[in-house]
Amino acid sequence: MTKLFLIFIILIVGFANSINAQTFYVSTTDSPSIVYQLSTADCSIQKKIPNCANHILADIAIDSGQNIYLEDLPATATEPAYIYGIKPYDTTFCENLGYLIGAASSLTCDSSGIIWGVGNYVEEFNPKTGIAFLNGNWIIPAESWGDMFTYKGNFYYVGVDTNLYKINKDIYNLNGDSGLVTFYMKLPNVTGIIYGAFSINYPTETKVYLLENGSTTSSLVELDMQNKTIGPTICTYPFLVGGAAGFNCDSCSSKTHQTSCPVSVAVINQNVTICQGSSFQLKSGKVVSTAGIYNDTTKSFSGCDSMVSKINLSISPVFNKNQTITICSGSQYQLPSGKYVNMPGIYYDTTKSFAGCDSIVTKIDLANYPVFYNSQNILICPSSSFQLPTGSYTSNPGVYFDTTKNSFGCDSLITKTDLSVYPVSSFDITDSFFLGQKYTLPSGKVVNTPGNYQYILKDINGCDSIIHINLSAKSTAGCVRPVKAFTPNGDGINDVWKIFTEGCVKRTEVSVYNRWGSRVYYSANYHNDWDGNYKNNRLPDGTYYYLMNVTFYDDQTVELTGNVTIIR
């Protein structure tokens, strides 16, 4: 009876270990990543594990004690890749264990609980001490992209070229020999991207599995390491996988729930530089922002070992500069950070150091050289020219835009010139004069000969005017004809006595007498202006008698007599 009970107990324990051996974990490519517990026995999601990193994960790993490790994907190339640990018996317990020297895209654990990472380099990370170091100066054939797993005591990883590479058994004694990482096989029939790879130790064999990402789903397949073939799809999951880790249970019973551990003290000296205004979190969780030396003591992930970190914290200084810059209007100015601006104003420009910290803050007072505008309307004479502000001459009418630059080569004055040309003035005059009379031309010259005369005179605008004069001579015959009567009554009609045509005589002497022989009017040079008065008194209506001597322009003299009647 006792033997039967022992056999039953052994069967139950074997069955439980078989179930655990089928367990594996994946992290998704979501932001933040989701961590699932899955099984190779079926395609269901067994459990969702809290992602205490709260970021996208580069990969995950699990040790023989079922402790789960999460690698945080750094946001920038200068940020470290932190490792977080989750207890198997309490997944709500999560601790930041430290960070890797170089960000690894693939993780796995060895039998001693050391985390191994492969990216561009290979490094070790001890979760108990939080210490990471590069394991030699590796020359690896291809960067790890997919994942890393253990198989029969050796490490394997999926390269960026979808080849499988082997890390040989003497991994613990690296000496920089490039032969330590060798090509193992080309993964056949791979159409997607391999971001997940893990191994599981079953009671009789070790199996290797791959997770191949499509566009929206990932497929689980088995990799036959002996025959170097890939089996059919086992499961399809409705998410994309970013990393995977299998449960190796060959020593679970001794490592799952350790209650005691040796006490060890690890001292870490670390120089840390942070940006001004930022802070740094010590491993104990304390946040500091002041430069100085900090001694920080924490417990390791095992809960037993203590760790002393000596942090020499320095702050990257920020320098301030002031500049006054004046540029040409319409041009651009390049700030120290590389940005181009063209509007006047105050700019605060920050130049960052190689570490991404603010290094130089420059205050730039940017101004523009002013540009003045002027408009002018210019009229010039025909055949003349005008000098524009730049010094060039033109005689063609039109609108001209002329720019004058200052001593810095900037546009200073823009002048709009509307240039017009006065029309050519030309006048044709036809006139006449009496024979013997002298004629004064517009130029002031006096002539007494008929003919065609041409003169160029300046008009009111100072431009040349061409004057053509056709001058003819008139005869004086019949130009002296005294009227017989006139009516000086002030109505403006026939109010004066006219005796000759204006301009036809040189001089006329006139005497007028009444019927008794008394002289009532006299003019030595008459101008057709007698209004019938005598000594400012009106003469009575009646007939009066005249005697006149007419001298023409040729100095000939004619004496005329007759009578004239005044009618009021």
Protein backbone atom coordinates (compact mmCIF):
# COMPACT_ATOMS: atom_id res chain seq x y z
CA MET A 1 0.00 0.00 0.00
CA THR A 2 2.81 2.41 0.91
CA LYS A 3 4.62 1.66 -2.37
CA LEU A 4 1.46 2.41 -4.37
CA PHE A 5 1.09 5.78 -2.62
CA LEU A 6 4.70 6.74 -3.39
CA ILE A 7 4.21 5.81 -7.03
CA PHE A 8 1.09 7.99 -7.16
CA ILE A 9 2.95 10.93 -5.64
CA ILE A 10 5.80 10.56 -8.16
CA LEU A 11 3.31 10.51 -11.04
CA ILE A 12 1.60 13.68 -9.76
CA VAL A 13 4.95 15.55 -9.41
CA GLY A 14 6.07 14.38 -12.86
CA PHE A 15 2.81 15.57 -14.39
CA ALA A 16 3.17 19.00 -12.70
CA ASN A 17 6.75 19.37 -13.95
CA SER A 18 5.61 18.41 -17.45
CA ILE A 19 2.98 21.15 -17.37
CA ASN A 20 5.56 23.73 -16.14
CA ALA A 21 8.04 22.61 -18.79
CA GLN A 22 5.62 23.67 -21.52
CA THR A 23 5.41 27.24 -20.17
CA PHE A 24 7.06 30.20 -21.95
CA TYR A 25 6.76 33.99 -21.88
CA VAL A 26 6.58 36.66 -24.60
CA SER A 27 6.65 40.46 -24.72
CA THR A 28 4.70 42.28 -27.42
CA THR A 29 5.74 45.23 -29.58
CA ASP A 30 3.01 47.44 -28.09
CA SER A 31 3.87 50.65 -26.25
CA PRO A 32 4.15 49.74 -23.43
CA SER A 33 4.81 46.06 -24.14
CA ILE A 34 2.42 43.45 -22.79
CA VAL A 35 3.94 40.33 -21.17
CA TYR A 36 2.01 37.06 -21.56
CA GLN A 37 2.50 33.60 -20.08
CA LEU A 38 1.81 30.99 -22.79
CA SER A 39 2.17 27.25 -23.25
CA THR A 40 3.33 25.02 -26.08
CA ALA A 41 0.52 22.58 -25.13
CA ASP A 42 -2.27 24.87 -26.42
CA CYS A 43 -2.70 28.27 -28.02
CA SER A 44 -4.48 30.02 -25.16
CA ILE A 45 -3.11 32.93 -23.13
CA GLN A 46 -2.57 31.58 -19.61
CA LYS A 47 -1.68 34.74 -17.75
CA LYS A 48 -0.85 38.42 -18.21
CA ILE A 49 2.31 39.48 -16.33
CA PRO A 50 2.59 43.16 -15.19
CA ASN A 51 5.13 45.17 -17.17
CA CYS A 52 6.61 47.27 -14.39
CA ALA A 53 9.06 48.90 -16.82
CA ASN A 54 6.01 50.55 -18.37
CA HIS A 55 7.88 50.97 -21.68
CA ILE A 56 8.52 49.02 -24.84
CA LEU A 57 10.67 45.98 -23.97
CA ALA A 58 13.73 44.94 -25.96
CA ASP A 59 13.54 41.32 -24.67
CA ILE A 60 12.70 39.14 -21.67
CA ALA A 61 14.50 36.24 -19.93
CA ILE A 62 13.67 33.67 -17.24
CA ASP A 63 16.07 31.80 -14.96
CA SER A 64 15.81 28.35 -13.44
CA GLY A 65 14.14 29.84 -10.38
CA GLN A 66 11.37 31.19 -12.64
CA ASN A 67 12.42 34.78 -11.96
CA ILE A 68 11.36 36.90 -14.95
CA TYR A 69 13.63 39.66 -16.25
CA LEU A 70 12.49 42.56 -18.47
CA GLU A 71 14.88 44.68 -20.56
CA ASP A 72 13.65 48.24 -21.08
CA LEU A 73 14.17 49.54 -24.65
CA PRO A 74 16.06 52.87 -24.34
CA ALA A 75 14.32 55.87 -25.91
CA THR A 76 17.64 57.35 -27.12
CA ALA A 77 21.13 56.06 -27.85
CA THR A 78 22.50 57.79 -24.74
CA GLU A 79 20.05 56.23 -22.28
CA PRO A 80 20.87 52.93 -20.51
CA ALA A 81 18.91 49.68 -20.93
CA TYR A 82 17.50 48.95 -17.48
CA ILE A 83 16.82 45.39 -16.25
CA TYR A 84 13.71 44.81 -14.10
CA GLY A 85 13.13 41.63 -12.05
CA ILE A 86 9.75 40.02 -11.24
CA LYS A 87 9.35 37.32 -8.52
CA PRO A 88 7.67 34.09 -9.70
CA TYR A 89 5.49 33.77 -6.60
CA ASP A 90 4.48 37.46 -6.57
CA THR A 91 4.34 39.12 -10.01
CA THR A 92 3.32 42.42 -8.40
CA PHE A 93 6.83 42.64 -6.90
CA CYS A 94 9.11 44.40 -9.41
CA GLU A 95 12.55 45.90 -8.92
CA ASN A 96 14.96 47.91 -11.07
CA LEU A 97 18.11 45.77 -10.83
CA GLY A 98 20.51 47.98 -12.82
CA TYR A 99 21.35 48.48 -16.44
CA LEU A 100 23.41 47.01 -19.25
CA ILE A 101 26.53 48.68 -20.60
CA GLY A 102 25.34 48.34 -24.19
CA ALA A 103 21.69 47.90 -25.14
CA ALA A 104 21.20 44.21 -26.04
CA SER A 105 18.39 43.13 -28.32
CA SER A 106 18.53 39.49 -27.10
CA LEU A 107 18.62 38.04 -23.56
CA THR A 108 18.83 34.59 -21.95
CA CYS A 109 19.86 33.11 -18.59
CA ASP A 110 22.49 30.48 -17.92
CA SER A 111 22.20 27.72 -15.30
CA SER A 112 23.82 29.92 -12.63
CA GLY A 113 21.25 32.68 -13.03
CA ILE A 114 23.53 35.10 -14.94
CA ILE A 115 21.76 37.10 -17.67
CA TRP A 116 23.54 37.12 -21.02
CA GLY A 117 22.83 39.75 -23.67
CA VAL A 118 23.81 40.02 -27.32
CA GLY A 119 23.47 43.14 -29.50
CA ASN A 120 26.55 44.61 -31.11
CA TYR A 121 28.45 43.21 -28.14
CA VAL A 122 28.09 40.31 -25.70
CA GLU A 123 27.86 41.13 -22.01
CA GLU A 124 26.93 39.60 -18.67
CA PHE A 125 24.60 41.00 -16.03
CA ASN A 126 24.43 39.67 -12.47
CA PRO A 127 20.90 40.32 -11.13
CA LYS A 128 22.08 39.77 -7.54
CA THR A 129 24.71 42.53 -7.66
CA GLY A 130 23.37 44.71 -10.48
CA ILE A 131 26.81 44.67 -12.14
CA ALA A 132 27.19 44.42 -15.92
CA PHE A 133 30.38 44.02 -17.92
CA LEU A 134 31.37 43.26 -21.49
CA ASN A 135 32.55 39.66 -21.81
CA GLY A 136 35.61 40.19 -23.96
CA ASN A 137 36.05 42.10 -27.17
CA TRP A 138 33.78 40.13 -29.44
CA ILE A 139 33.87 40.26 -33.18
CA ILE A 140 30.42 38.89 -34.06
CA PRO A 141 29.45 38.02 -37.64
CA ALA A 142 26.02 39.70 -37.43
CA GLU A 143 24.15 41.87 -34.95
CA SER A 144 21.55 40.06 -32.88
CA TRP A 145 18.04 41.07 -33.82
CA GLY A 146 15.76 38.16 -33.13
CA ASP A 147 16.43 36.48 -29.76
CA MET A 148 18.86 34.30 -27.79
CA PHE A 149 18.44 30.83 -26.24
CA THR A 150 20.42 27.93 -24.70
CA TYR A 151 20.71 24.49 -26.25
CA LYS A 152 22.85 21.69 -24.80
CA GLY A 153 25.10 24.01 -22.86
CA ASN A 154 25.71 26.53 -25.69
CA PHE A 155 24.14 29.87 -26.56
CA TYR A 156 22.50 30.58 -29.91
CA TYR A 157 21.07 33.79 -31.30
CA VAL A 158 19.11 34.86 -34.40
CA GLY A 159 21.02 37.46 -36.37
CA VAL A 160 19.68 40.44 -38.28
CA ASP A 161 20.34 38.42 -41.47
CA THR A 162 17.90 35.65 -40.27
CA ASN A 163 20.81 33.25 -39.74
CA LEU A 164 21.31 31.27 -36.56
CA TYR A 165 24.70 31.75 -34.86
CA LYS A 166 26.32 29.58 -32.19
CA ILE A 167 28.25 30.87 -29.18
CA ASN A 168 30.69 28.09 -28.25
CA LYS A 169 31.00 26.36 -24.85
CA ASP A 170 34.15 28.23 -23.83
CA ILE A 171 32.13 31.42 -23.59
CA TYR A 172 33.38 31.98 -20.03
CA ASN A 173 37.00 32.27 -21.17
CA LEU A 174 36.74 34.82 -23.95
CA ASN A 175 39.91 36.20 -25.41
CA GLY A 176 38.70 38.20 -28.40
CA ASP A 177 38.89 35.26 -30.79
CA SER A 178 36.35 35.78 -33.56
CA GLY A 179 35.90 31.99 -33.80
CA LEU A 180 33.94 31.99 -30.58
CA VAL A 181 30.81 32.99 -32.58
CA THR A 182 30.21 30.84 -35.64
CA PHE A 183 27.51 30.41 -38.26
CA TYR A 184 25.20 27.51 -37.43
CA MET A 185 22.43 27.48 -40.03
CA LYS A 186 20.25 29.49 -42.35
CA LEU A 187 16.69 29.49 -41.00
CA PRO A 188 14.59 27.91 -43.78
CA ASN A 189 11.17 29.03 -45.03
CA VAL A 190 11.16 32.27 -43.03
CA THR A 191 8.92 34.92 -44.61
CA GLY A 192 8.41 37.19 -41.59
CA ILE A 193 10.70 38.59 -38.90
CA ILE A 194 12.03 36.39 -36.07
CA TYR A 195 11.82 38.45 -32.86
CA GLY A 196 11.24 35.51 -30.48
CA ALA A 197 13.33 32.36 -29.88
CA PHE A 198 13.51 30.13 -26.78
CA SER A 199 14.26 26.57 -25.64
CA ILE A 200 12.40 24.29 -23.20
CA ASN A 201 14.00 21.35 -21.39
CA TYR A 202 11.57 18.44 -21.47
CA PRO A 203 12.27 15.27 -19.42
CA THR A 204 13.85 13.49 -22.37
CA GLU A 205 14.91 16.27 -24.76
CA THR A 206 15.37 19.99 -25.29
CA LYS A 207 13.18 21.69 -27.88
CA VAL A 208 13.70 25.04 -29.57
CA TYR A 209 10.82 27.27 -30.70
CA LEU A 210 10.67 30.36 -32.91
CA LEU A 211 8.05 33.11 -33.07
CA GLU A 212 7.74 34.60 -36.56
CA ASN A 213 6.00 37.99 -36.92
CA GLY A 214 3.69 38.71 -39.82
CA SER A 215 1.85 41.97 -40.38
CA THR A 216 -0.47 41.73 -37.34
CA THR A 217 0.02 38.22 -35.90
CA SER A 218 2.88 35.97 -34.80
CA SER A 219 3.26 32.24 -35.41
CA LEU A 220 4.83 29.63 -33.11
CA VAL A 221 6.94 26.95 -34.87
CA GLU A 222 9.44 24.33 -33.67
CA LEU A 223 13.07 24.43 -34.84
CA ASP A 224 14.71 21.00 -35.20
CA MET A 225 18.31 21.74 -34.21
CA GLN A 226 19.56 18.31 -35.27
CA ASN A 227 18.04 18.22 -38.76
CA LYS A 228 18.06 22.02 -39.14
CA THR A 229 14.43 22.20 -40.26
CA ILE A 230 11.38 24.19 -39.18
CA GLY A 231 8.09 22.44 -38.44
CA PRO A 232 4.55 23.56 -39.22
CA THR A 233 2.77 26.34 -37.35
CA ILE A 234 1.76 25.26 -33.84
CA CYS A 235 -0.13 28.38 -32.73
CA THR A 236 -1.02 31.80 -34.14
CA TYR A 237 -1.28 34.71 -31.68
CA PRO A 238 -3.19 37.98 -32.31
CA PHE A 239 -0.20 40.19 -31.49
CA LEU A 240 3.36 40.85 -32.62
CA VAL A 241 6.18 39.44 -30.49
CA GLY A 242 9.19 41.52 -29.46
CA GLY A 243 10.94 38.89 -27.30
CA ALA A 244 10.46 35.41 -25.77
CA ALA A 245 11.85 33.25 -22.96
CA GLY A 246 11.38 29.53 -22.22
CA PHE A 247 11.29 27.79 -18.86
CA ASN A 248 14.25 25.44 -18.27
CA CYS A 249 13.32 23.30 -15.32
CA ASP A 250 16.36 21.03 -14.95
CA SER A 251 17.12 22.46 -11.50
CA CYS A 252 13.82 24.09 -10.47
CA SER A 253 13.48 22.33 -7.13
CA SER A 254 16.66 23.78 -5.74
CA LYS A 255 16.25 27.36 -6.95
CA THR A 256 12.57 28.26 -7.02
CA HIS A 257 12.09 29.41 -3.43
CA GLN A 258 15.46 30.05 -1.87
CA THR A 259 15.08 31.14 1.76
CA SER A 260 18.76 31.72 2.48
CA CYS A 261 21.68 33.05 0.52
CA PRO A 262 25.25 34.09 1.22
CA VAL A 263 25.79 37.69 2.23
CA SER A 264 28.03 39.55 -0.16
CA VAL A 265 28.82 43.21 -0.52
CA ALA A 266 29.48 44.65 -3.95
CA VAL A 267 30.92 48.15 -4.21
CA ILE A 268 30.28 49.99 -7.45
CA ASN A 269 32.06 53.22 -8.33
CA GLN A 270 30.17 55.17 -10.93
CA ASN A 271 30.68 58.60 -12.51
CA VAL A 272 27.40 60.11 -13.65
CA THR A 273 26.85 63.42 -15.44
CA ILE A 274 23.33 64.81 -15.75
CA CYS A 275 21.89 67.83 -17.48
CA GLN A 276 21.37 71.01 -15.49
CA GLY A 277 17.82 71.06 -14.13
CA SER A 278 17.39 67.26 -14.37
CA SER A 279 17.71 64.60 -11.68
CA PHE A 280 19.21 61.14 -11.20
CA GLN A 281 17.61 58.15 -9.48
CA LEU A 282 19.88 56.10 -7.27
CA LYS A 283 19.41 52.32 -7.15
CA SER A 284 17.70 52.68 -3.80
CA GLY A 285 15.07 54.81 -5.49
CA LYS A 286 16.18 58.14 -4.07
CA VAL A 287 16.18 61.00 -6.57
CA VAL A 288 19.01 63.55 -6.41
CA SER A 289 19.74 66.65 -8.50
CA THR A 290 22.74 68.24 -6.75
CA ALA A 291 26.32 67.51 -7.73
CA GLY A 292 28.29 65.50 -5.19
CA ILE A 293 29.31 62.01 -4.06
CA TYR A 294 26.50 59.72 -2.95
CA ASN A 295 26.92 56.39 -1.12
CA ASP A 296 23.81 54.39 -1.91
CA THR A 297 23.06 51.01 -0.30
CA THR A 298 20.47 48.64 -1.74
CA LYS A 299 19.45 45.02 -1.47
CA SER A 300 20.01 42.69 -4.39
CA PHE A 301 17.21 40.96 -6.21
CA SER A 302 17.69 37.89 -4.00
CA GLY A 303 16.74 39.98 -1.00
CA CYS A 304 19.93 39.00 0.84
CA ASP A 305 23.05 40.50 -0.72
CA SER A 306 23.71 44.23 -0.07
CA MET A 307 25.21 46.55 -2.65
CA VAL A 308 26.98 49.88 -2.06
CA SER A 309 27.06 52.28 -4.99
CA LYS A 310 29.44 55.24 -4.82
CA ILE A 311 28.03 57.73 -7.29
CA ASN A 312 30.10 60.76 -8.27
CA LEU A 313 27.36 62.99 -9.67
CA SER A 314 28.29 66.01 -11.74
CA ILE A 315 26.11 68.48 -13.63
CA SER A 316 26.79 69.56 -17.19
CA PRO A 317 27.11 73.39 -17.04
CA VAL A 318 25.03 75.76 -19.14
CA PHE A 319 26.71 78.89 -20.55
CA ASN A 320 24.79 82.03 -21.52
CA LYS A 321 25.72 84.41 -24.34
CA ASN A 322 24.18 87.66 -25.60
CA GLN A 323 24.41 88.79 -29.22
CA THR A 324 23.05 91.73 -31.16
CA ILE A 325 22.74 90.95 -34.85
CA THR A 326 21.57 93.22 -37.67
CA ILE A 327 20.80 91.71 -41.07
CA CYS A 328 19.57 92.98 -44.40
CA SER A 329 15.81 93.25 -44.75
CA GLY A 330 14.46 90.13 -46.47
CA SER A 331 17.51 87.98 -45.67
CA GLN A 332 17.89 85.15 -43.15
CA TYR A 333 20.06 84.53 -40.13
CA GLN A 334 21.17 81.09 -38.96
CA LEU A 335 20.97 80.58 -35.21
CA PRO A 336 23.73 78.54 -33.52
CA SER A 337 21.37 75.54 -33.40
CA GLY A 338 21.05 75.66 -37.20
CA LYS A 339 17.54 77.14 -37.42
CA TYR A 340 16.99 80.00 -39.88
CA VAL A 341 15.00 83.12 -38.89
CA ASN A 342 14.24 86.37 -40.73
CA MET A 343 11.91 88.31 -38.44
CA PRO A 344 13.37 90.88 -36.01
CA GLY A 345 12.96 90.02 -32.34
CA ILE A 346 14.54 88.32 -29.36
CA TYR A 347 15.53 84.68 -29.85
CA TYR A 348 16.72 82.25 -27.20
CA ASP A 349 18.69 79.52 -28.91
CA THR A 350 19.96 76.44 -27.13
CA THR A 351 22.90 74.38 -28.32
CA LYS A 352 23.08 70.89 -26.86
CA SER A 353 26.18 68.94 -25.89
CA PHE A 354 27.02 65.47 -27.17
CA ALA A 355 25.14 64.00 -24.19
CA GLY A 356 21.98 65.90 -25.15
CA CYS A 357 22.23 68.53 -22.39
CA ASP A 358 21.71 72.24 -22.88
CA SER A 359 25.25 73.57 -23.32
CA ILE A 360 25.03 77.16 -24.57
CA VAL A 361 21.94 79.35 -24.33
CA THR A 362 22.34 82.33 -26.65
CA LYS A 363 20.10 85.37 -26.45
CA ILE A 364 20.06 86.98 -29.89
CA ASP A 365 18.57 90.43 -30.46
CA LEU A 366 17.93 90.32 -34.19
CA ALA A 367 17.22 93.53 -36.11
CA ASN A 368 16.87 94.50 -39.77
CA TYR A 369 18.57 97.41 -41.49
CA PRO A 370 15.64 99.67 -42.48
CA VAL A 371 14.69 100.17 -46.12
CA PHE A 372 13.30 103.58 -47.09
CA TYR A 373 11.03 104.14 -50.07
CA ASN A 374 10.79 107.30 -52.18
CA SER A 375 8.61 108.20 -55.17
CA GLN A 376 9.22 111.03 -57.60
CA ASN A 377 7.60 112.28 -60.81
CA ILE A 378 10.11 113.76 -63.22
CA LEU A 379 9.44 115.71 -66.47
CA ILE A 380 12.32 116.31 -68.86
CA CYS A 381 12.63 118.14 -72.16
CA PRO A 382 12.83 116.21 -75.42
CA SER A 383 16.36 115.04 -76.33
CA SER A 384 17.55 115.53 -72.73
CA SER A 385 18.32 112.79 -70.16
CA PHE A 386 17.83 112.21 -66.44
CA GLN A 387 20.34 110.79 -63.96
CA LEU A 388 18.85 108.08 -61.73
CA PRO A 389 20.01 107.78 -58.06
CA THR A 390 22.43 104.98 -58.99
CA GLY A 391 24.17 107.34 -61.43
CA SER A 392 22.92 105.92 -64.74
CA TYR A 393 21.30 108.22 -67.34
CA THR A 394 18.13 107.63 -69.32
CA SER A 395 16.02 109.66 -71.76
CA ASN A 396 13.22 107.15 -72.23
CA PRO A 397 9.92 107.72 -70.43
CA GLY A 398 8.79 104.99 -68.01
CA VAL A 399 8.76 103.85 -64.39
CA TYR A 400 12.16 103.05 -62.86
CA PHE A 401 12.92 101.35 -59.53
CA ASP A 402 16.35 102.29 -58.32
CA THR A 403 18.02 100.74 -55.23
CA THR A 404 20.78 102.34 -53.23
CA LYS A 405 22.76 100.12 -50.81
CA ASN A 406 24.30 101.03 -47.47
CA SER A 407 27.88 100.35 -46.39
CA PHE A 408 26.90 96.79 -45.33
CA GLY A 409 25.62 95.91 -48.80
CA CYS A 410 21.96 96.05 -47.76
CA ASP A 411 19.20 97.77 -49.67
CA SER A 412 18.84 101.19 -48.04
CA LEU A 413 16.74 103.40 -50.34
CA ILE A 414 14.39 102.22 -53.07
CA THR A 415 13.32 105.07 -55.35
CA LYS A 416 10.42 104.82 -57.77
CA THR A 417 10.90 107.32 -60.60
CA ASP A 418 8.02 108.04 -63.00
CA LEU A 419 9.81 109.71 -65.90
CA SER A 420 7.87 111.68 -68.51
CA VAL A 421 9.01 113.80 -71.48
CA TYR A 422 7.44 117.13 -72.37
CA PRO A 423 5.94 117.11 -75.88
CA VAL A 424 7.83 118.98 -78.58
CA SER A 425 6.48 122.58 -78.86
CA SER A 426 6.07 123.83 -82.40
CA PHE A 427 4.05 126.90 -83.42
CA ASP A 428 3.13 128.19 -86.89
CA ILE A 429 2.27 131.93 -87.02
CA THR A 430 0.94 133.82 -90.02
CA ASP A 431 1.04 137.64 -89.74
CA SER A 432 1.34 140.77 -91.86
CA PHE A 433 2.45 144.38 -91.63
CA PHE A 434 2.05 147.50 -93.70
CA LEU A 435 4.70 148.39 -96.18
CA GLY A 436 7.37 150.48 -94.60
CA GLN A 437 6.29 149.36 -91.12
CA LYS A 438 8.83 147.63 -88.82
CA TYR A 439 7.80 144.22 -87.38
CA THR A 440 9.16 142.81 -84.13
CA LEU A 441 9.59 139.01 -84.16
CA PRO A 442 9.04 136.93 -80.89
CA SER A 443 12.79 136.72 -80.47
CA GLY A 444 12.90 140.55 -80.27
CA LYS A 445 14.46 141.02 -83.65
CA VAL A 446 12.92 143.85 -85.75
CA VAL A 447 12.35 143.28 -89.48
CA ASN A 448 10.64 145.27 -92.24
CA THR A 449 10.83 142.63 -94.93
CA PRO A 450 8.11 140.03 -95.53
CA GLY A 451 9.17 136.33 -95.53
CA ASN A 452 9.38 133.09 -93.47
CA TYR A 453 11.17 133.29 -90.14
CA GLN A 454 12.03 130.42 -87.72
CA TYR A 455 13.24 130.78 -84.14
CA ILE A 456 13.89 128.43 -81.21
CA LEU A 457 12.82 129.85 -77.87
CA LYS A 458 12.58 128.45 -74.34
CA ASP A 459 9.07 127.77 -73.06
CA ILE A 460 7.86 128.09 -69.48
CA ASN A 461 9.33 124.63 -68.70
CA GLY A 462 12.73 125.62 -70.06
CA CYS A 463 12.34 123.40 -73.14
CA ASP A 464 12.99 124.45 -76.72
CA SER A 465 9.97 125.69 -78.71
CA ILE A 466 10.17 126.02 -82.49
CA ILE A 467 8.29 129.03 -83.91
CA HIS A 468 7.60 129.39 -87.64
CA ILE A 469 6.39 132.89 -88.80
CA ASN A 470 5.01 133.55 -92.28
CA LEU A 471 5.19 137.37 -92.53
CA SER A 472 3.55 139.27 -95.41
CA ALA A 473 3.36 143.07 -96.28
CA LYS A 474 0.07 145.01 -96.69
CA SER A 475 -0.50 148.08 -98.81
CA THR A 476 -1.42 151.35 -97.03
CA ALA A 477 -3.75 152.38 -99.85
CA GLY A 478 -7.24 152.99 -98.46
CA CYS A 479 -6.21 152.57 -94.86
CA VAL A 480 -7.12 156.22 -94.01
CA ARG A 481 -10.91 156.66 -94.23
CA PRO A 482 -12.36 159.13 -91.68
CA VAL A 483 -15.96 158.20 -90.78
CA LYS A 484 -18.61 160.84 -91.59
CA ALA A 485 -20.45 160.63 -88.26
CA PHE A 486 -20.21 159.04 -84.80
CA THR A 487 -22.49 158.82 -81.74
CA PRO A 488 -20.58 159.45 -78.49
CA ASN A 489 -23.52 158.54 -76.22
CA GLY A 490 -21.68 155.94 -74.09
CA ASP A 491 -23.47 152.85 -75.43
CA GLY A 492 -20.19 151.34 -76.58
CA ILE A 493 -21.16 151.51 -80.23
CA ASN A 494 -19.52 154.10 -82.51
CA ASP A 495 -18.59 156.23 -79.48
CA VAL A 496 -15.27 157.51 -80.94
CA TRP A 497 -14.23 158.96 -84.25
CA LYS A 498 -12.20 156.45 -86.35
CA ILE A 499 -10.23 157.79 -89.24
CA PHE A 500 -7.75 154.99 -90.17
CA THR A 501 -7.05 151.31 -89.81
CA GLU A 502 -4.99 150.59 -86.74
CA GLY A 503 -1.32 150.15 -87.47
CA CYS A 504 -1.33 151.36 -91.00
CA VAL A 505 0.11 154.82 -90.31
CA LYS A 506 3.13 156.01 -88.51
CA ARG A 507 1.56 159.25 -87.17
CA THR A 508 -1.53 161.39 -87.73
CA GLU A 509 -1.92 165.11 -86.74
CA VAL A 510 -5.59 166.14 -86.46
CA SER A 511 -7.34 169.52 -85.97
CA VAL A 512 -11.20 169.91 -85.74
CA TYR A 513 -13.12 173.26 -86.15
CA ASN A 514 -16.70 174.34 -85.63
CA ARG A 515 -18.63 176.26 -88.22
CA TRP A 516 -17.35 179.56 -86.83
CA GLY A 517 -13.73 178.50 -87.39
CA SER A 518 -12.86 177.89 -83.78
CA ARG A 519 -10.66 174.80 -83.15
CA VAL A 520 -12.46 172.47 -80.75
CA TYR A 521 -10.03 169.48 -80.86
CA TYR A 522 -6.33 168.86 -81.57
CA SER A 523 -3.99 165.80 -81.44
CA ALA A 524 -0.42 165.65 -82.66
CA ASN A 525 -0.58 161.80 -82.86
CA TYR A 526 -4.15 160.65 -83.13
CA HIS A 527 -5.17 157.10 -82.10
CA ASN A 528 -8.86 156.88 -83.09
CA ASP A 529 -9.86 158.03 -79.61
CA TRP A 530 -11.79 161.39 -79.84
CA ASP A 531 -15.17 161.12 -78.05
CA GLY A 532 -16.66 164.50 -79.18
CA ASN A 533 -15.63 166.50 -76.09
CA TYR A 534 -13.81 169.81 -75.89
CA LYS A 535 -12.00 170.58 -72.66
CA ASN A 536 -14.01 167.85 -70.95
CA ASN A 537 -17.25 169.41 -72.17
CA ARG A 538 -19.59 167.75 -74.61
CA LEU A 539 -19.81 169.50 -77.93
CA PRO A 540 -23.28 170.05 -79.26
CA ASP A 541 -24.58 167.91 -82.05
CA GLY A 542 -23.72 169.22 -85.46
CA THR A 543 -21.26 169.25 -88.29
CA TYR A 544 -17.57 169.99 -87.69
CA TYR A 545 -14.60 170.39 -90.04
CA TYR A 546 -11.20 168.66 -89.87
CA LEU A 547 -7.70 169.13 -91.18
CA MET A 548 -5.21 166.22 -90.83
CA ASN A 549 -1.72 165.42 -91.89
CA VAL A 550 -1.07 161.63 -92.21
CA THR A 551 2.52 160.27 -92.14
CA PHE A 552 3.00 156.69 -93.36
CA TYR A 553 5.83 154.29 -92.40
CA ASP A 554 7.71 155.20 -95.56
CA ASP A 555 7.59 158.81 -94.31
CA GLN A 556 5.24 159.94 -97.07
CA THR A 557 2.77 162.63 -95.87
CA VAL A 558 -0.80 163.21 -97.03
CA GLU A 559 -3.05 166.19 -96.07
CA LEU A 560 -6.76 165.50 -95.84
CA THR A 561 -9.77 167.80 -95.14
CA GLY A 562 -13.46 167.14 -94.66
CA ASN A 563 -16.33 167.24 -92.17
CA VAL A 564 -17.69 164.97 -89.46
CA THR A 565 -21.08 165.05 -87.75
CA ILE A 566 -21.66 164.43 -84.03
CA ILE A 567 -24.95 162.80 -83.26
CA ARG A 568 -25.80 161.97 -79.66
